[in-house]
Amino acid sequence: MRIETIGINHKTSSIEVRDKAALGPDRIGEALNHLLHCHNNEGAVILSTCNRTEIYLSPLHHGSDEKLRALLSDITSLSAEEVSSAYIFRDEEALNHLFRVSSGLDSQLLGEMQILAQLKSAYHTALDQATTNNILNKAFLRAIECGKEVRHRTAISQGAISVASAAVQLATKIFGTLEGHHVLLVGAGETARLATKYLAASGVKDWRVSNRTEANAKVVADLIGGRVTSFPPSEDDLAWADVVLSATSANEPVITQKVVKAGKKRRRSMQLFLDLAVPRDVESLVKNIGDTFLYTVDDFQEMVATNMKAREREAVRAEKIVQRTVEEFTEWYQENRVAPTIRQLQEVLESIRIAEVDRNVKRFKEADHDQVDRFSKALMRKVTNHFVANLKRSSLEEDDLSIAKAMTLALASDEDDQVNEVLEQLNHELSH
């Protein structure tokens, strides 16, 4: 089929390796053009997110695993050891993986929505760089359609399935909307970063980030357009915040009742604390302060477990949609392999028809010329349909291109420059 994929994701590599492999927009274009100039590749698309970096290729011939790993290492600067765990898929397996990615079935959070937009962006970037070909265009457009269909026909993306998303969902219910509210984020690890994604999607614009390591706090603050503040958060920070979301790895509480009380004297509105840390970051006595609400990991786990079970049930239905889509694409591809021979057949028969009509039309009355033309077209259409049906049947049912190759040779003429190109394509397909 001439599609192959190599990549790393949250299942194969640590966050440090994934961060190292991630390609920003300024590097994607150069990497795509590098891939296309490798003599074996006719098309390339790169999907790079915080959880995965994947290269999709349409090669003339499938490369060895070693060559693909070397290519990933070259593009991302990962070491040979770091790319050793990369997964490699070819043909139907590559398609299946691509469609599962677009459907949220391969995500760290089952059914996540963001990956579909990221995949669409990756495809359009490759289009802008002119590094796609017919096969990759069809594959990515179908992947986008598949992702939409899965989310339309199943409930795989409904319900919070992480403590962070459940916490933000609760905050949105309590406040009605988070737009215009102040958020203090305490911590800069994976849970805190995940929470910022959901908070940003909920419309939060005003942020402060407090973390023991200031450099890490700055990374998160830059991602969400916030500013770094002191650690632990000060009385001023707590007076300012409407929502405090804390997820550090500290062994003792970093937010005490004393500091919250002091900050509360300067507030007149409700305040929400979301403690996602284990052990807890916020002293339990905080919940006794008036107009203050405290929720911990335990409050969200039952909701998350229930929603996860529901998504897992929906994933079974989603997998069936993916499988059907792979089968449809495979059928299209197998038919498309003989398309050049079909076009050649149609062109040759049409030229014969026109020549014979022109040579014999004078034998008929002028009033019958249109009738002769219609009759000749109908006859050639029946002949063409007979050949086309057998070509497609041999390609689809028997995975056999020998008839197409023989017909291409049989229809060739001395001045037909395209015959060698058609034969070369068929030979490539026969070699897979």
Protein backbone atom coordinates (compact mmCIF):
# COMPACT_ATOMS: atom_id res chain seq x y z
CA MET A 1 0.00 0.00 0.00
CA ARG A 2 3.03 2.27 0.37
CA ILE A 3 2.11 3.87 3.71
CA GLU A 4 4.33 3.60 6.77
CA THR A 5 4.48 5.21 10.20
CA ILE A 6 7.14 5.52 12.86
CA GLY A 7 6.60 7.33 16.14
CA ILE A 8 6.78 7.57 19.90
CA ASN A 9 4.00 8.35 22.36
CA HIS A 10 3.04 8.24 26.04
CA LYS A 11 3.09 4.43 25.98
CA THR A 12 6.63 4.08 24.63
CA SER A 13 8.58 7.04 26.00
CA SER A 14 8.96 9.21 29.07
CA ILE A 15 7.81 12.83 29.12
CA GLU A 16 11.45 13.94 28.90
CA VAL A 17 11.96 11.99 25.67
CA ARG A 18 8.63 13.22 24.27
CA ASP A 19 9.58 16.82 25.06
CA LYS A 20 12.92 16.33 23.30
CA ALA A 21 11.22 14.83 20.23
CA ALA A 22 8.52 17.49 19.93
CA LEU A 23 8.85 19.66 16.80
CA GLY A 24 7.59 23.22 16.91
CA PRO A 25 6.02 24.97 13.89
CA ASP A 26 9.39 26.56 13.03
CA ARG A 27 10.99 23.11 12.59
CA ILE A 28 8.15 21.17 10.96
CA GLY A 29 8.55 22.69 7.48
CA GLU A 30 12.27 21.99 7.33
CA ALA A 31 11.75 18.43 8.58
CA LEU A 32 9.02 17.73 6.02
CA ASN A 33 11.18 18.91 3.15
CA HIS A 34 14.09 16.83 4.44
CA LEU A 35 11.85 13.75 4.45
CA LEU A 36 10.61 14.42 0.92
CA HIS A 37 14.13 14.80 -0.42
CA CYS A 38 14.98 11.31 0.80
CA HIS A 39 14.89 9.54 -2.57
CA ASN A 40 12.52 6.80 -1.38
CA ASN A 41 9.68 9.09 -0.19
CA GLU A 42 6.87 10.48 -2.32
CA GLY A 43 4.98 12.07 0.59
CA ALA A 44 5.38 12.97 4.27
CA VAL A 45 3.27 14.30 7.17
CA ILE A 46 4.52 14.94 10.72
CA LEU A 47 2.21 14.87 13.75
CA SER A 48 3.92 16.35 16.82
CA THR A 49 2.11 17.00 20.11
CA CYS A 50 3.03 16.93 23.79
CA ASN A 51 2.22 13.22 23.90
CA ARG A 52 3.42 11.95 20.51
CA THR A 53 5.72 12.61 17.57
CA GLU A 54 4.88 10.55 14.47
CA ILE A 55 6.13 10.51 10.89
CA TYR A 56 3.75 9.30 8.17
CA LEU A 57 5.40 8.43 4.86
CA SER A 58 4.37 7.29 1.40
CA PRO A 59 7.50 5.54 0.10
CA LEU A 60 8.30 4.04 -3.27
CA HIS A 61 9.51 0.94 -1.40
CA HIS A 62 9.13 0.11 2.28
CA GLY A 63 12.29 0.88 4.20
CA SER A 64 13.82 -1.33 6.85
CA ASP A 65 13.08 -0.73 10.53
CA GLU A 66 16.68 0.43 10.98
CA LYS A 67 16.33 3.08 8.26
CA LEU A 68 13.06 4.36 9.70
CA ARG A 69 14.53 4.63 13.20
CA ALA A 70 17.53 6.48 11.76
CA LEU A 71 15.14 8.86 10.01
CA LEU A 72 13.23 9.56 13.25
CA SER A 73 16.51 10.10 15.09
CA ASP A 74 17.72 12.49 12.38
CA ILE A 75 14.50 14.54 12.41
CA THR A 76 14.11 14.76 16.20
CA SER A 77 17.74 14.50 17.45
CA LEU A 78 16.76 11.56 19.65
CA SER A 79 19.52 9.07 20.36
CA ALA A 80 19.57 5.56 18.93
CA GLU A 81 18.56 4.23 22.36
CA GLU A 82 15.66 6.70 22.62
CA VAL A 83 14.20 5.69 19.23
CA SER A 84 14.65 1.96 19.91
CA SER A 85 11.20 1.84 21.53
CA ALA A 86 9.47 3.59 18.60
CA TYR A 87 6.57 1.75 16.98
CA ILE A 88 6.55 1.07 13.24
CA PHE A 89 3.44 0.29 11.18
CA ARG A 90 3.02 -0.37 7.47
CA ASP A 91 0.06 -0.38 5.09
CA GLU A 92 -3.23 -1.50 6.74
CA GLU A 93 -1.62 -1.40 10.21
CA ALA A 94 -0.44 2.18 9.56
CA LEU A 95 -3.95 3.13 8.44
CA ASN A 96 -5.50 1.49 11.47
CA HIS A 97 -3.12 3.40 13.74
CA LEU A 98 -3.83 6.74 12.01
CA PHE A 99 -7.61 6.27 12.24
CA ARG A 100 -7.35 5.21 15.91
CA VAL A 101 -5.28 8.33 16.65
CA SER A 102 -7.85 10.61 15.00
CA SER A 103 -10.65 8.88 16.93
CA GLY A 104 -8.99 9.38 20.32
CA LEU A 105 -8.53 5.62 20.80
CA ASP A 106 -4.73 5.90 21.07
CA SER A 107 -4.70 8.93 23.38
CA GLN A 108 -3.48 9.07 26.95
CA LEU A 109 -7.00 10.20 27.81
CA LEU A 110 -9.36 7.91 25.92
CA GLY A 111 -11.53 9.87 23.48
CA GLU A 112 -9.80 13.23 23.88
CA MET A 113 -10.99 15.89 21.44
CA GLN A 114 -7.80 17.92 20.96
CA ILE A 115 -5.96 15.27 18.92
CA LEU A 116 -8.38 15.60 15.99
CA ALA A 117 -7.61 19.32 15.63
CA GLN A 118 -3.89 18.60 15.99
CA LEU A 119 -3.99 15.95 13.28
CA LYS A 120 -5.91 18.29 10.98
CA SER A 121 -3.31 21.00 11.57
CA ALA A 122 -0.46 18.56 10.83
CA TYR A 123 -2.07 17.62 7.52
CA HIS A 124 -2.63 21.23 6.47
CA THR A 125 0.97 22.08 7.33
CA ALA A 126 2.13 19.28 5.01
CA LEU A 127 -0.26 20.54 2.33
CA ASP A 128 1.21 24.05 2.63
CA GLN A 129 4.69 22.57 2.27
CA ALA A 130 3.53 20.49 -0.74
CA THR A 131 4.84 17.27 0.86
CA THR A 132 1.71 15.13 0.54
CA ASN A 133 0.72 12.85 -2.32
CA ASN A 134 -2.50 11.21 -3.46
CA ILE A 135 -2.29 8.36 -0.95
CA LEU A 136 -1.55 10.56 2.09
CA ASN A 137 -4.19 13.10 1.03
CA LYS A 138 -6.82 10.38 0.91
CA ALA A 139 -5.61 8.77 4.16
CA PHE A 140 -5.59 11.98 6.23
CA LEU A 141 -8.89 13.28 4.87
CA ARG A 142 -10.45 9.92 5.69
CA ALA A 143 -8.82 9.97 9.14
CA ILE A 144 -10.38 13.36 9.87
CA GLU A 145 -13.79 12.10 8.69
CA CYS A 146 -13.36 8.94 10.80
CA GLY A 147 -12.54 11.00 13.92
CA LYS A 148 -15.65 13.11 13.42
CA GLU A 149 -17.83 10.07 12.79
CA VAL A 150 -16.61 8.32 15.94
CA ARG A 151 -17.43 11.33 18.09
CA HIS A 152 -20.79 11.84 16.37
CA ARG A 153 -21.92 8.21 16.60
CA THR A 154 -20.44 7.32 20.00
CA ALA A 155 -20.09 8.97 23.40
CA ILE A 156 -16.37 8.26 23.63
CA SER A 157 -15.52 11.93 24.29
CA GLN A 158 -18.21 12.58 26.90
CA GLY A 159 -17.63 12.79 30.64
CA ALA A 160 -14.46 13.76 32.53
CA ILE A 161 -11.94 10.89 32.74
CA SER A 162 -9.05 12.55 34.55
CA VAL A 163 -8.97 14.10 37.98
CA ALA A 164 -7.87 17.37 36.34
CA SER A 165 -10.75 17.46 33.85
CA ALA A 166 -13.25 16.43 36.55
CA ALA A 167 -11.99 19.25 38.78
CA VAL A 168 -12.36 21.86 36.05
CA GLN A 169 -15.78 20.48 35.17
CA LEU A 170 -16.84 20.97 38.78
CA ALA A 171 -15.41 24.52 38.88
CA THR A 172 -17.38 25.41 35.76
CA LYS A 173 -20.60 24.12 37.34
CA ILE A 174 -20.00 26.07 40.55
CA PHE A 175 -19.18 29.39 38.88
CA GLY A 176 -21.41 28.94 35.82
CA THR A 177 -18.53 30.14 33.68
CA LEU A 178 -14.82 30.61 34.38
CA GLU A 179 -14.48 33.55 32.00
CA GLY A 180 -13.36 36.63 33.88
CA HIS A 181 -12.26 34.68 36.96
CA HIS A 182 -8.74 34.54 38.44
CA VAL A 183 -6.94 31.20 38.72
CA LEU A 184 -3.93 30.42 40.88
CA LEU A 185 -2.10 27.27 39.77
CA VAL A 186 0.17 25.70 42.37
CA GLY A 187 2.57 23.17 40.86
CA ALA A 188 3.96 22.68 37.34
CA GLY A 189 3.95 18.91 36.89
CA GLU A 190 1.95 16.77 34.48
CA THR A 191 -1.34 17.02 36.41
CA ALA A 192 -1.05 20.80 36.70
CA ARG A 193 -0.22 21.14 33.00
CA LEU A 194 -3.19 19.00 32.07
CA ALA A 195 -5.45 21.11 34.25
CA THR A 196 -4.29 24.30 32.52
CA LYS A 197 -5.45 22.89 29.19
CA TYR A 198 -8.97 22.37 30.50
CA LEU A 199 -9.02 25.70 32.34
CA ALA A 200 -7.84 27.57 29.24
CA ALA A 201 -10.54 25.83 27.18
CA SER A 202 -13.07 27.04 29.76
CA GLY A 203 -12.20 30.66 29.03
CA VAL A 204 -9.78 31.50 31.87
CA LYS A 205 -7.56 34.46 30.95
CA ASP A 206 -5.97 35.60 34.26
CA TRP A 207 -3.37 33.22 35.68
CA ARG A 208 -0.70 33.03 38.31
CA VAL A 209 1.66 30.07 38.63
CA SER A 210 3.39 29.12 41.87
CA ASN A 211 5.99 26.35 41.89
CA ARG A 212 9.01 25.36 43.95
CA THR A 213 11.25 25.51 40.85
CA GLU A 214 10.75 28.93 39.27
CA ALA A 215 12.04 27.82 35.84
CA ASN A 216 9.32 25.16 35.61
CA ALA A 217 6.71 27.67 36.73
CA LYS A 218 7.81 29.98 33.92
CA VAL A 219 7.41 27.21 31.34
CA VAL A 220 3.79 26.68 32.39
CA ALA A 221 3.10 30.40 32.72
CA ASP A 222 4.40 31.00 29.19
CA LEU A 223 2.14 28.25 27.85
CA ILE A 224 -1.01 29.85 29.25
CA GLY A 225 -0.11 33.51 29.22
CA GLY A 226 0.15 33.83 32.99
CA ARG A 227 2.77 35.15 35.34
CA VAL A 228 5.00 33.50 37.93
CA THR A 229 4.46 34.21 41.61
CA SER A 230 6.13 33.09 44.85
CA PHE A 231 6.13 29.58 46.34
CA PRO A 232 4.31 28.76 48.47
CA PRO A 233 1.61 31.22 47.36
CA SER A 234 1.36 34.37 49.42
CA GLU A 235 -1.57 35.95 51.22
CA ASP A 236 -1.87 38.38 48.28
CA ASP A 237 -2.08 35.50 45.77
CA LEU A 238 -4.82 33.79 47.78
CA ALA A 239 -6.77 37.02 48.17
CA TRP A 240 -6.62 37.51 44.39
CA ALA A 241 -7.63 34.00 43.29
CA ASP A 242 -11.20 32.83 42.69
CA VAL A 243 -10.00 29.29 41.94
CA VAL A 244 -6.90 27.71 43.48
CA LEU A 245 -5.83 24.46 41.81
CA SER A 246 -2.94 22.73 43.53
CA ALA A 247 -1.02 19.64 42.37
CA THR A 248 2.50 19.51 43.79
CA SER A 249 4.59 16.60 45.01
CA ALA A 250 5.18 18.19 48.44
CA ASN A 251 5.06 15.96 51.52
CA GLU A 252 3.28 18.58 53.62
CA PRO A 253 0.49 21.10 52.87
CA VAL A 254 1.70 24.15 50.97
CA ILE A 255 -1.53 26.12 51.56
CA THR A 256 -2.45 26.58 55.21
CA GLN A 257 -5.64 27.66 56.90
CA LYS A 258 -3.80 30.66 58.38
CA VAL A 259 -2.76 32.09 55.00
CA VAL A 260 -6.17 31.44 53.44
CA LYS A 261 -7.91 33.17 56.35
CA ALA A 262 -5.63 36.19 56.02
CA GLY A 263 -6.35 36.43 52.31
CA LYS A 264 -10.08 35.93 52.90
CA LYS A 265 -10.26 39.17 54.89
CA ARG A 266 -9.61 41.01 51.60
CA ARG A 267 -12.26 39.08 49.65
CA ARG A 268 -16.04 39.29 49.56
CA SER A 269 -16.74 36.58 47.01
CA MET A 270 -16.75 32.78 47.01
CA GLN A 271 -13.47 30.91 46.68
CA LEU A 272 -12.87 27.37 45.37
CA PHE A 273 -9.89 25.14 46.22
CA LEU A 274 -9.19 22.09 44.04
CA ASP A 275 -6.55 19.93 45.71
CA LEU A 276 -5.34 17.30 43.22
CA ALA A 277 -2.21 16.33 45.14
CA VAL A 278 -1.44 13.12 47.03
CA PRO A 279 -0.59 13.75 49.83
CA ARG A 280 -2.79 16.82 50.12
CA ASP A 281 -1.53 20.32 49.37
CA VAL A 282 -4.32 22.20 51.18
CA GLU A 283 -4.98 21.89 54.92
CA SER A 284 -8.37 20.25 55.48
CA LEU A 285 -9.36 22.99 57.95
CA VAL A 286 -9.62 25.42 55.00
CA LYS A 287 -13.10 24.01 54.27
CA ASN A 288 -14.31 25.46 57.58
CA ILE A 289 -13.67 29.03 56.41
CA GLY A 290 -16.85 30.79 55.39
CA ASP A 291 -17.74 30.96 51.67
CA THR A 292 -14.81 28.65 50.88
CA PHE A 293 -15.13 25.28 49.18
CA LEU A 294 -12.48 22.54 49.17
CA TYR A 295 -12.49 19.43 46.98
CA THR A 296 -9.78 16.75 46.95
CA VAL A 297 -8.76 13.84 44.70
CA ASP A 298 -11.14 11.52 46.56
CA ASP A 299 -14.11 13.65 45.54
CA PHE A 300 -13.33 13.15 41.84
CA GLN A 301 -12.20 9.55 41.65
CA GLU A 302 -15.67 7.97 41.65
CA MET A 303 -16.82 10.35 38.89
CA VAL A 304 -13.71 9.58 36.85
CA ALA A 305 -14.08 5.80 37.29
CA THR A 306 -17.73 5.88 36.20
CA ASN A 307 -16.99 8.02 33.15
CA MET A 308 -14.00 5.87 32.18
CA LYS A 309 -16.12 2.72 32.17
CA ALA A 310 -18.67 4.47 29.96
CA ARG A 311 -15.95 5.58 27.52
CA GLU A 312 -14.45 2.09 27.41
CA ARG A 313 -17.86 0.72 26.39
CA GLU A 314 -18.07 3.35 23.65
CA ALA A 315 -14.52 2.50 22.53
CA VAL A 316 -15.72 -0.95 21.41
CA ARG A 317 -18.17 0.76 19.04
CA ALA A 318 -15.48 3.21 17.91
CA GLU A 319 -13.09 0.36 17.05
CA LYS A 320 -15.72 -1.10 14.70
CA ILE A 321 -16.02 2.24 12.90
CA VAL A 322 -12.24 2.39 12.54
CA GLN A 323 -12.09 -1.16 11.18
CA ARG A 324 -14.81 -0.44 8.63
CA THR A 325 -12.99 2.70 7.54
CA VAL A 326 -9.72 0.79 7.08
CA GLU A 327 -11.52 -1.78 4.92
CA GLU A 328 -13.13 0.95 2.79
CA PHE A 329 -9.80 2.69 2.30
CA THR A 330 -8.07 -0.58 1.39
CA GLU A 331 -10.74 -1.29 -1.22
CA TRP A 332 -10.31 2.22 -2.66
CA TYR A 333 -6.57 1.77 -2.77
CA GLN A 334 -6.70 -1.59 -4.50
CA GLU A 335 -9.03 -0.15 -7.13
CA ASN A 336 -6.85 2.93 -7.48
CA ARG A 337 -3.80 0.77 -8.30
CA VAL A 338 -5.32 -0.13 -11.69
CA ALA A 339 -6.65 3.37 -12.40
CA PRO A 340 -3.74 4.28 -14.78
CA THR A 341 -4.38 1.12 -16.83
CA ILE A 342 -8.11 1.90 -16.92
CA ARG A 343 -7.41 5.44 -18.17
CA GLN A 344 -5.05 4.01 -20.81
CA LEU A 345 -7.73 1.52 -21.91
CA GLN A 346 -10.37 4.25 -22.14
CA GLU A 347 -8.09 6.54 -24.13
CA VAL A 348 -7.06 3.81 -26.61
CA LEU A 349 -10.61 2.58 -27.19
CA GLU A 350 -11.92 6.13 -27.52
CA SER A 351 -9.27 6.96 -30.14
CA ILE A 352 -10.20 3.80 -32.07
CA ARG A 353 -13.89 4.69 -31.86
CA ILE A 354 -13.37 8.24 -33.12
CA ALA A 355 -11.14 7.06 -35.99
CA GLU A 356 -13.63 4.42 -37.11
CA VAL A 357 -16.60 6.78 -36.90
CA ASP A 358 -14.75 9.43 -38.92
CA ARG A 359 -13.78 6.81 -41.54
CA ASN A 360 -17.24 5.27 -41.93
CA VAL A 361 -19.71 8.02 -41.13
CA LYS A 362 -19.96 9.08 -44.77
CA ARG A 363 -21.65 5.78 -45.57
CA PHE A 364 -24.67 6.98 -43.60
CA LYS A 365 -27.12 9.76 -44.17
CA GLU A 366 -26.25 13.02 -42.41
CA ALA A 367 -29.41 12.71 -40.37
CA ASP A 368 -28.07 9.39 -38.97
CA HIS A 369 -24.62 10.68 -37.95
CA ASP A 370 -25.66 11.38 -34.36
CA GLN A 371 -27.19 7.92 -34.14
CA VAL A 372 -23.94 6.34 -35.35
CA ASP A 373 -21.94 8.33 -32.79
CA ARG A 374 -24.26 7.29 -29.93
CA PHE A 375 -24.18 3.64 -31.02
CA SER A 376 -20.36 3.58 -31.16
CA LYS A 377 -20.10 5.14 -27.70
CA ALA A 378 -22.53 2.61 -26.22
CA LEU A 379 -20.61 -0.27 -27.79
CA MET A 380 -17.23 0.93 -26.50
CA ARG A 381 -18.72 1.57 -23.05
CA LYS A 382 -19.84 -2.06 -22.84
CA VAL A 383 -16.43 -3.31 -23.97
CA THR A 384 -14.64 -0.96 -21.52
CA ASN A 385 -16.90 -1.94 -18.60
CA HIS A 386 -16.15 -5.62 -19.22
CA PHE A 387 -12.39 -5.07 -19.05
CA VAL A 388 -12.63 -2.67 -16.09
CA ALA A 389 -14.75 -5.11 -14.07
CA ASN A 390 -12.16 -7.86 -14.53
CA LEU A 391 -9.26 -5.52 -13.72
CA LYS A 392 -10.89 -4.39 -10.48
CA ARG A 393 -11.93 -7.90 -9.53
CA SER A 394 -8.41 -9.27 -9.90
CA SER A 395 -6.99 -6.37 -7.88
CA LEU A 396 -9.63 -6.47 -5.12
CA GLU A 397 -10.37 -10.15 -4.67
CA GLU A 398 -7.07 -11.75 -5.61
CA ASP A 399 -4.64 -8.86 -4.98
CA ASP A 400 -3.38 -9.59 -8.50
CA LEU A 401 -2.00 -6.90 -10.84
CA SER A 402 -0.68 -9.21 -13.55
CA ILE A 403 -3.77 -8.60 -15.74
CA ALA A 404 -3.28 -4.83 -15.45
CA LYS A 405 0.39 -5.18 -16.38
CA ALA A 406 -0.40 -7.40 -19.40
CA MET A 407 -3.14 -5.02 -20.57
CA THR A 408 -0.83 -2.02 -20.25
CA LEU A 409 1.71 -3.76 -22.50
CA ALA A 410 -0.99 -4.90 -24.93
CA LEU A 411 -2.37 -1.39 -25.33
CA ALA A 412 1.02 0.31 -25.69
CA SER A 413 2.06 2.08 -28.85
CA ASP A 414 5.49 3.27 -29.98
CA GLU A 415 4.72 6.90 -29.23
CA ASP A 416 3.09 6.27 -25.85
CA ASP A 417 5.50 7.84 -23.35
CA GLN A 418 3.29 7.10 -20.33
CA VAL A 419 3.43 3.30 -20.65
CA ASN A 420 6.77 2.98 -18.84
CA GLU A 421 5.48 5.17 -16.01
CA VAL A 422 2.34 3.01 -15.65
CA LEU A 423 4.42 -0.18 -15.75
CA GLU A 424 6.80 1.21 -13.11
CA GLN A 425 3.87 2.00 -10.79
CA LEU A 426 2.44 -1.49 -11.26
CA ASN A 427 5.85 -3.06 -10.60
CA HIS A 428 6.13 -1.06 -7.39
CA GLU A 429 2.74 -2.35 -6.27
CA LEU A 430 3.58 -5.92 -7.27
CA SER A 431 6.74 -5.72 -5.14
CA HIS A 432 4.82 -5.04 -1.90
